[in-house]
Amino acid sequence: MSARRRLGSCAVVGFFGACSGVVDRAYAAPIPNISVDIGSGTPSTTITILLMLTVLSLAPSILIMMTCFTRIIIVLGFVRTSLGTQQMPPNPVLIGLALFLSLFIMAPVLGQINEQALQPYLAGTMTQMQALEKAAVPMKMFMMKQTREKDLLLFLQYANMERPERPEDVPLTALLPAFAISELKTAFQMGFMIFLPFLVIDMIVSSTLMAMGMMMLPPVVISLPFKILLFVLVDGWHLVVQSMLLSFQ
């Protein structure tokens, strides 16, 4: 038993000795230097990648809340609903069309942001905070142009903020929700105007079927081809897109 105990003690001592050697080597290994520099100089590659990932993660919220995407996708949804074509055009087509229309409408604003904020920041002539302030100005001007005054005053009064003298002084915390509800109201107004002609067709078809005693025949089956024909004859997609483009001028 004594020989076994001595053998076990030697094994335990050897194990802890090996572990201590590994720990000593780990502490002796040099720790890599990590430096993050956010200053007035040229931004490092790490900071640039970090900013790009941050923007990409917030892109859906920025797209929905700060651009014309909300109005466009709602109007396109009203067009499909008023036609009664169920899933035609499918959702990917409508979302893709709304994305490209939003990019087309926002191109002047994005160009100003690139010239006034992004390029000077990448060149190292502007700090991060200065670039963000410069980039916010074109977006504020665009949103202020599409925001109703009473919607903006609603949030300013609720937050006990004084009425700004210049559009650049309007805080984004009040401008963003005001812009969102203004876009929703405008989109629903346009959707109501789109619904009217198709509603008239549905009423005419329904009344005709009732007069003929064909109550078991769904009116949608008869009115759908006439609505599609009317939409094609008047070049409906052209008129809808033209109306949306003119609404942002």
Protein backbone atom coordinates (compact mmCIF):
# COMPACT_ATOMS: atom_id res chain seq x y z
CA MET A 1 0.00 0.00 0.00
CA SER A 2 2.87 2.37 0.78
CA ALA A 3 4.36 1.77 -2.69
CA ARG A 4 1.01 2.53 -4.31
CA ARG A 5 0.59 5.68 -2.25
CA ARG A 6 4.08 6.87 -3.19
CA LEU A 7 3.31 6.16 -6.86
CA GLY A 8 0.00 8.04 -6.66
CA SER A 9 1.67 11.00 -4.92
CA CYS A 10 4.33 11.17 -7.61
CA ALA A 11 1.65 11.12 -10.32
CA VAL A 12 -0.32 13.95 -8.68
CA VAL A 13 2.82 16.03 -8.19
CA GLY A 14 3.83 15.44 -11.79
CA PHE A 15 0.37 16.42 -13.07
CA PHE A 16 0.30 19.70 -11.12
CA GLY A 17 3.85 20.41 -12.17
CA ALA A 18 2.94 20.00 -15.81
CA CYS A 19 -0.10 22.25 -15.36
CA SER A 20 2.00 24.94 -13.66
CA GLY A 21 4.45 24.76 -16.55
CA VAL A 22 1.67 25.30 -19.08
CA VAL A 23 0.31 28.22 -17.07
CA ASP A 24 3.77 29.77 -16.80
CA ARG A 25 4.27 29.50 -20.54
CA ALA A 26 0.83 31.01 -21.14
CA TYR A 27 1.64 33.99 -18.92
CA ALA A 28 5.03 34.32 -20.53
CA ALA A 29 3.51 34.51 -24.04
CA PRO A 30 3.24 38.10 -25.31
CA ILE A 31 -0.23 39.66 -25.40
CA PRO A 32 -1.06 41.18 -28.81
CA ASN A 33 -1.49 44.94 -28.78
CA ILE A 34 -5.01 46.12 -29.69
CA SER A 35 -5.49 49.82 -30.23
CA VAL A 36 -8.66 51.63 -31.27
CA ASP A 37 -8.13 55.16 -32.50
CA ILE A 38 -11.13 57.36 -33.22
CA GLY A 39 -9.80 60.80 -33.76
CA SER A 40 -9.33 63.47 -36.35
CA GLY A 41 -6.85 61.41 -38.37
CA THR A 42 -7.51 58.89 -41.10
CA PRO A 43 -9.81 56.11 -39.78
CA SER A 44 -8.24 52.69 -39.54
CA THR A 45 -9.48 49.70 -41.49
CA THR A 46 -10.94 48.14 -38.34
CA ILE A 47 -13.03 51.21 -37.55
CA THR A 48 -14.20 51.46 -41.16
CA ILE A 49 -15.34 47.82 -41.15
CA LEU A 50 -17.03 48.30 -37.78
CA LEU A 51 -18.94 51.33 -39.08
CA MET A 52 -19.98 49.45 -42.20
CA LEU A 53 -21.31 46.52 -40.16
CA THR A 54 -23.20 48.91 -37.89
CA VAL A 55 -24.81 50.67 -40.84
CA LEU A 56 -25.74 47.34 -42.44
CA SER A 57 -27.35 46.12 -39.23
CA LEU A 58 -29.42 49.31 -38.99
CA ALA A 59 -30.17 49.48 -42.72
CA PRO A 60 -33.73 48.05 -42.48
CA SER A 61 -34.76 50.57 -39.83
CA ILE A 62 -33.09 53.44 -41.68
CA LEU A 63 -34.73 52.37 -44.94
CA ILE A 64 -38.21 52.18 -43.45
CA MET A 65 -38.11 55.21 -41.15
CA MET A 66 -35.99 57.77 -43.01
CA THR A 67 -36.71 57.23 -46.71
CA CYS A 68 -39.67 57.09 -49.08
CA PHE A 69 -39.86 53.28 -48.89
CA THR A 70 -42.87 53.27 -46.55
CA ARG A 71 -45.08 55.31 -48.84
CA ILE A 72 -44.09 53.38 -51.96
CA ILE A 73 -44.62 49.88 -50.56
CA ILE A 74 -48.00 50.80 -49.05
CA VAL A 75 -49.23 52.32 -52.32
CA LEU A 76 -48.09 49.26 -54.28
CA GLY A 77 -49.87 47.06 -51.75
CA PHE A 78 -53.07 49.07 -52.27
CA VAL A 79 -52.75 48.60 -56.03
CA ARG A 80 -52.56 44.83 -55.69
CA THR A 81 -55.42 44.72 -53.18
CA SER A 82 -57.69 46.92 -55.29
CA LEU A 83 -57.06 44.74 -58.34
CA GLY A 84 -57.94 41.64 -56.33
CA THR A 85 -55.16 39.57 -57.88
CA GLN A 86 -54.21 37.96 -54.54
CA GLN A 87 -50.42 37.38 -54.77
CA MET A 88 -49.86 38.89 -58.21
CA PRO A 89 -47.42 40.61 -58.37
CA PRO A 90 -45.71 38.56 -55.64
CA ASN A 91 -44.18 40.19 -52.57
CA PRO A 92 -40.53 39.95 -53.77
CA VAL A 93 -41.45 41.86 -56.93
CA LEU A 94 -43.23 44.63 -55.02
CA ILE A 95 -40.43 44.94 -52.46
CA GLY A 96 -37.78 44.99 -55.19
CA LEU A 97 -39.65 47.67 -57.13
CA ALA A 98 -40.08 49.71 -53.95
CA LEU A 99 -36.37 49.41 -53.17
CA PHE A 100 -35.25 50.62 -56.59
CA LEU A 101 -37.79 53.45 -56.63
CA SER A 102 -36.60 54.49 -53.17
CA LEU A 103 -32.99 54.45 -54.37
CA PHE A 104 -33.93 56.55 -57.40
CA ILE A 105 -35.81 59.14 -55.33
CA MET A 106 -33.17 59.28 -52.59
CA ALA A 107 -30.22 59.49 -55.02
CA PRO A 108 -29.80 63.31 -54.69
CA VAL A 109 -29.89 63.08 -50.89
CA LEU A 110 -27.40 60.21 -50.83
CA GLY A 111 -25.14 62.17 -53.18
CA GLN A 112 -25.10 65.13 -50.77
CA ILE A 113 -24.31 62.84 -47.85
CA ASN A 114 -21.44 61.31 -49.80
CA GLU A 115 -19.95 64.68 -50.76
CA GLN A 116 -20.49 66.52 -47.49
CA ALA A 117 -19.89 63.80 -44.90
CA LEU A 118 -18.61 60.43 -46.12
CA GLN A 119 -15.77 61.49 -48.40
CA PRO A 120 -14.34 64.13 -45.98
CA TYR A 121 -14.46 61.58 -43.16
CA LEU A 122 -12.69 58.91 -45.20
CA ALA A 123 -10.10 61.50 -46.23
CA GLY A 124 -9.41 62.30 -42.57
CA THR A 125 -10.45 65.97 -42.74
CA MET A 126 -13.52 65.48 -40.55
CA THR A 127 -14.17 63.72 -37.27
CA GLN A 128 -16.80 61.07 -36.79
CA MET A 129 -19.22 63.34 -34.95
CA GLN A 130 -18.81 66.10 -37.52
CA ALA A 131 -19.49 63.60 -40.31
CA LEU A 132 -22.66 62.38 -38.59
CA GLU A 133 -23.88 65.95 -38.12
CA LYS A 134 -23.19 66.77 -41.76
CA ALA A 135 -24.92 63.59 -42.94
CA ALA A 136 -28.02 64.33 -40.88
CA VAL A 137 -28.66 67.69 -42.57
CA PRO A 138 -29.70 66.38 -46.04
CA MET A 139 -31.86 63.69 -44.44
CA LYS A 140 -33.54 66.27 -42.22
CA MET A 141 -34.25 68.52 -45.20
CA PHE A 142 -35.82 65.63 -47.11
CA MET A 143 -37.96 64.51 -44.18
CA MET A 144 -39.00 68.05 -43.29
CA LYS A 145 -40.27 68.57 -46.84
CA GLN A 146 -42.54 65.51 -46.55
CA THR A 147 -43.62 66.00 -42.91
CA ARG A 148 -46.80 67.81 -41.98
CA GLU A 149 -46.37 70.67 -39.57
CA LYS A 150 -49.06 69.48 -37.15
CA ASP A 151 -47.43 66.05 -36.92
CA LEU A 152 -44.08 67.59 -36.05
CA LEU A 153 -45.64 69.96 -33.52
CA LEU A 154 -47.33 66.99 -31.86
CA PHE A 155 -44.00 65.46 -30.83
CA LEU A 156 -42.30 68.78 -30.10
CA GLN A 157 -45.08 69.81 -27.73
CA TYR A 158 -45.20 66.41 -26.06
CA ALA A 159 -41.45 66.60 -25.35
CA ASN A 160 -41.73 70.25 -24.21
CA MET A 161 -39.28 71.35 -26.91
CA GLU A 162 -39.18 74.84 -28.29
CA ARG A 163 -40.05 75.31 -31.94
CA PRO A 164 -36.74 75.34 -33.88
CA GLU A 165 -35.95 78.33 -36.04
CA ARG A 166 -34.21 76.29 -38.76
CA PRO A 167 -34.96 72.83 -40.17
CA GLU A 168 -31.40 71.77 -39.29
CA ASP A 169 -32.16 72.33 -35.60
CA VAL A 170 -35.09 69.90 -35.49
CA PRO A 171 -34.11 66.87 -33.36
CA LEU A 172 -34.31 63.49 -35.06
CA THR A 173 -36.13 62.04 -32.05
CA ALA A 174 -39.15 64.20 -32.95
CA LEU A 175 -38.71 64.32 -36.71
CA LEU A 176 -38.56 60.55 -37.30
CA PRO A 177 -41.99 59.62 -35.83
CA ALA A 178 -43.57 62.74 -37.35
CA PHE A 179 -42.20 61.79 -40.76
CA ALA A 180 -43.45 58.21 -40.35
CA ILE A 181 -47.06 59.12 -39.56
CA SER A 182 -47.08 61.74 -42.32
CA GLU A 183 -45.92 59.11 -44.80
CA LEU A 184 -48.63 56.73 -43.61
CA LYS A 185 -51.34 59.35 -44.07
CA THR A 186 -50.12 60.28 -47.55
CA ALA A 187 -49.89 56.62 -48.58
CA PHE A 188 -53.45 55.91 -47.40
CA GLN A 189 -54.76 58.96 -49.24
CA MET A 190 -53.15 57.73 -52.46
CA GLY A 191 -54.46 54.23 -51.82
CA PHE A 192 -58.02 55.54 -51.42
CA MET A 193 -57.83 57.29 -54.79
CA ILE A 194 -56.55 54.08 -56.38
CA PHE A 195 -59.39 52.05 -54.87
CA LEU A 196 -62.22 54.21 -56.24
CA PRO A 197 -62.30 53.17 -59.94
CA PHE A 198 -61.99 49.48 -59.07
CA LEU A 199 -64.73 49.81 -56.47
CA VAL A 200 -67.04 51.24 -59.15
CA ILE A 201 -66.36 48.23 -61.38
CA ASP A 202 -67.13 45.84 -58.50
CA MET A 203 -70.41 47.63 -57.77
CA ILE A 204 -71.48 47.58 -61.43
CA VAL A 205 -70.70 43.89 -61.82
CA SER A 206 -72.40 43.00 -58.54
CA SER A 207 -75.55 44.95 -59.44
CA THR A 208 -75.67 43.37 -62.89
CA LEU A 209 -75.38 39.85 -61.47
CA MET A 210 -78.10 40.59 -58.91
CA ALA A 211 -80.41 41.88 -61.63
CA MET A 212 -79.79 38.75 -63.71
CA GLY A 213 -80.51 36.52 -60.72
CA MET A 214 -77.02 34.99 -60.75
CA MET A 215 -76.54 35.19 -57.01
CA MET A 216 -74.44 32.07 -56.74
CA LEU A 217 -71.74 33.41 -59.07
CA PRO A 218 -69.05 35.35 -57.16
CA PRO A 219 -68.80 38.92 -58.53
CA VAL A 220 -64.99 38.78 -58.21
CA VAL A 221 -64.80 36.13 -60.92
CA ILE A 222 -66.47 38.49 -63.42
CA SER A 223 -64.99 41.81 -62.25
CA LEU A 224 -61.35 40.66 -62.07
CA PRO A 225 -60.79 40.46 -65.85
CA PHE A 226 -62.44 43.86 -66.35
CA LYS A 227 -60.28 45.46 -63.65
CA ILE A 228 -57.11 44.01 -65.14
CA LEU A 229 -58.17 45.15 -68.61
CA LEU A 230 -58.88 48.68 -67.36
CA PHE A 231 -55.56 48.82 -65.51
CA VAL A 232 -53.66 47.71 -68.61
CA LEU A 233 -55.50 50.05 -71.00
CA VAL A 234 -54.79 53.15 -68.90
CA ASP A 235 -51.17 52.03 -68.34
CA GLY A 236 -51.77 51.78 -64.62
CA TRP A 237 -48.23 51.02 -63.46
CA HIS A 238 -46.93 54.07 -65.29
CA LEU A 239 -49.58 56.29 -63.70
CA VAL A 240 -49.00 54.89 -60.21
CA VAL A 241 -45.23 55.32 -60.36
CA GLN A 242 -45.60 58.78 -61.89
CA SER A 243 -47.94 59.82 -59.09
CA MET A 244 -45.49 58.60 -56.45
CA LEU A 245 -42.56 60.40 -58.07
CA LEU A 246 -44.53 63.63 -58.30
CA SER A 247 -45.63 63.33 -54.68
CA PHE A 248 -41.99 63.69 -53.55
CA GLN A 249 -41.26 66.87 -55.49
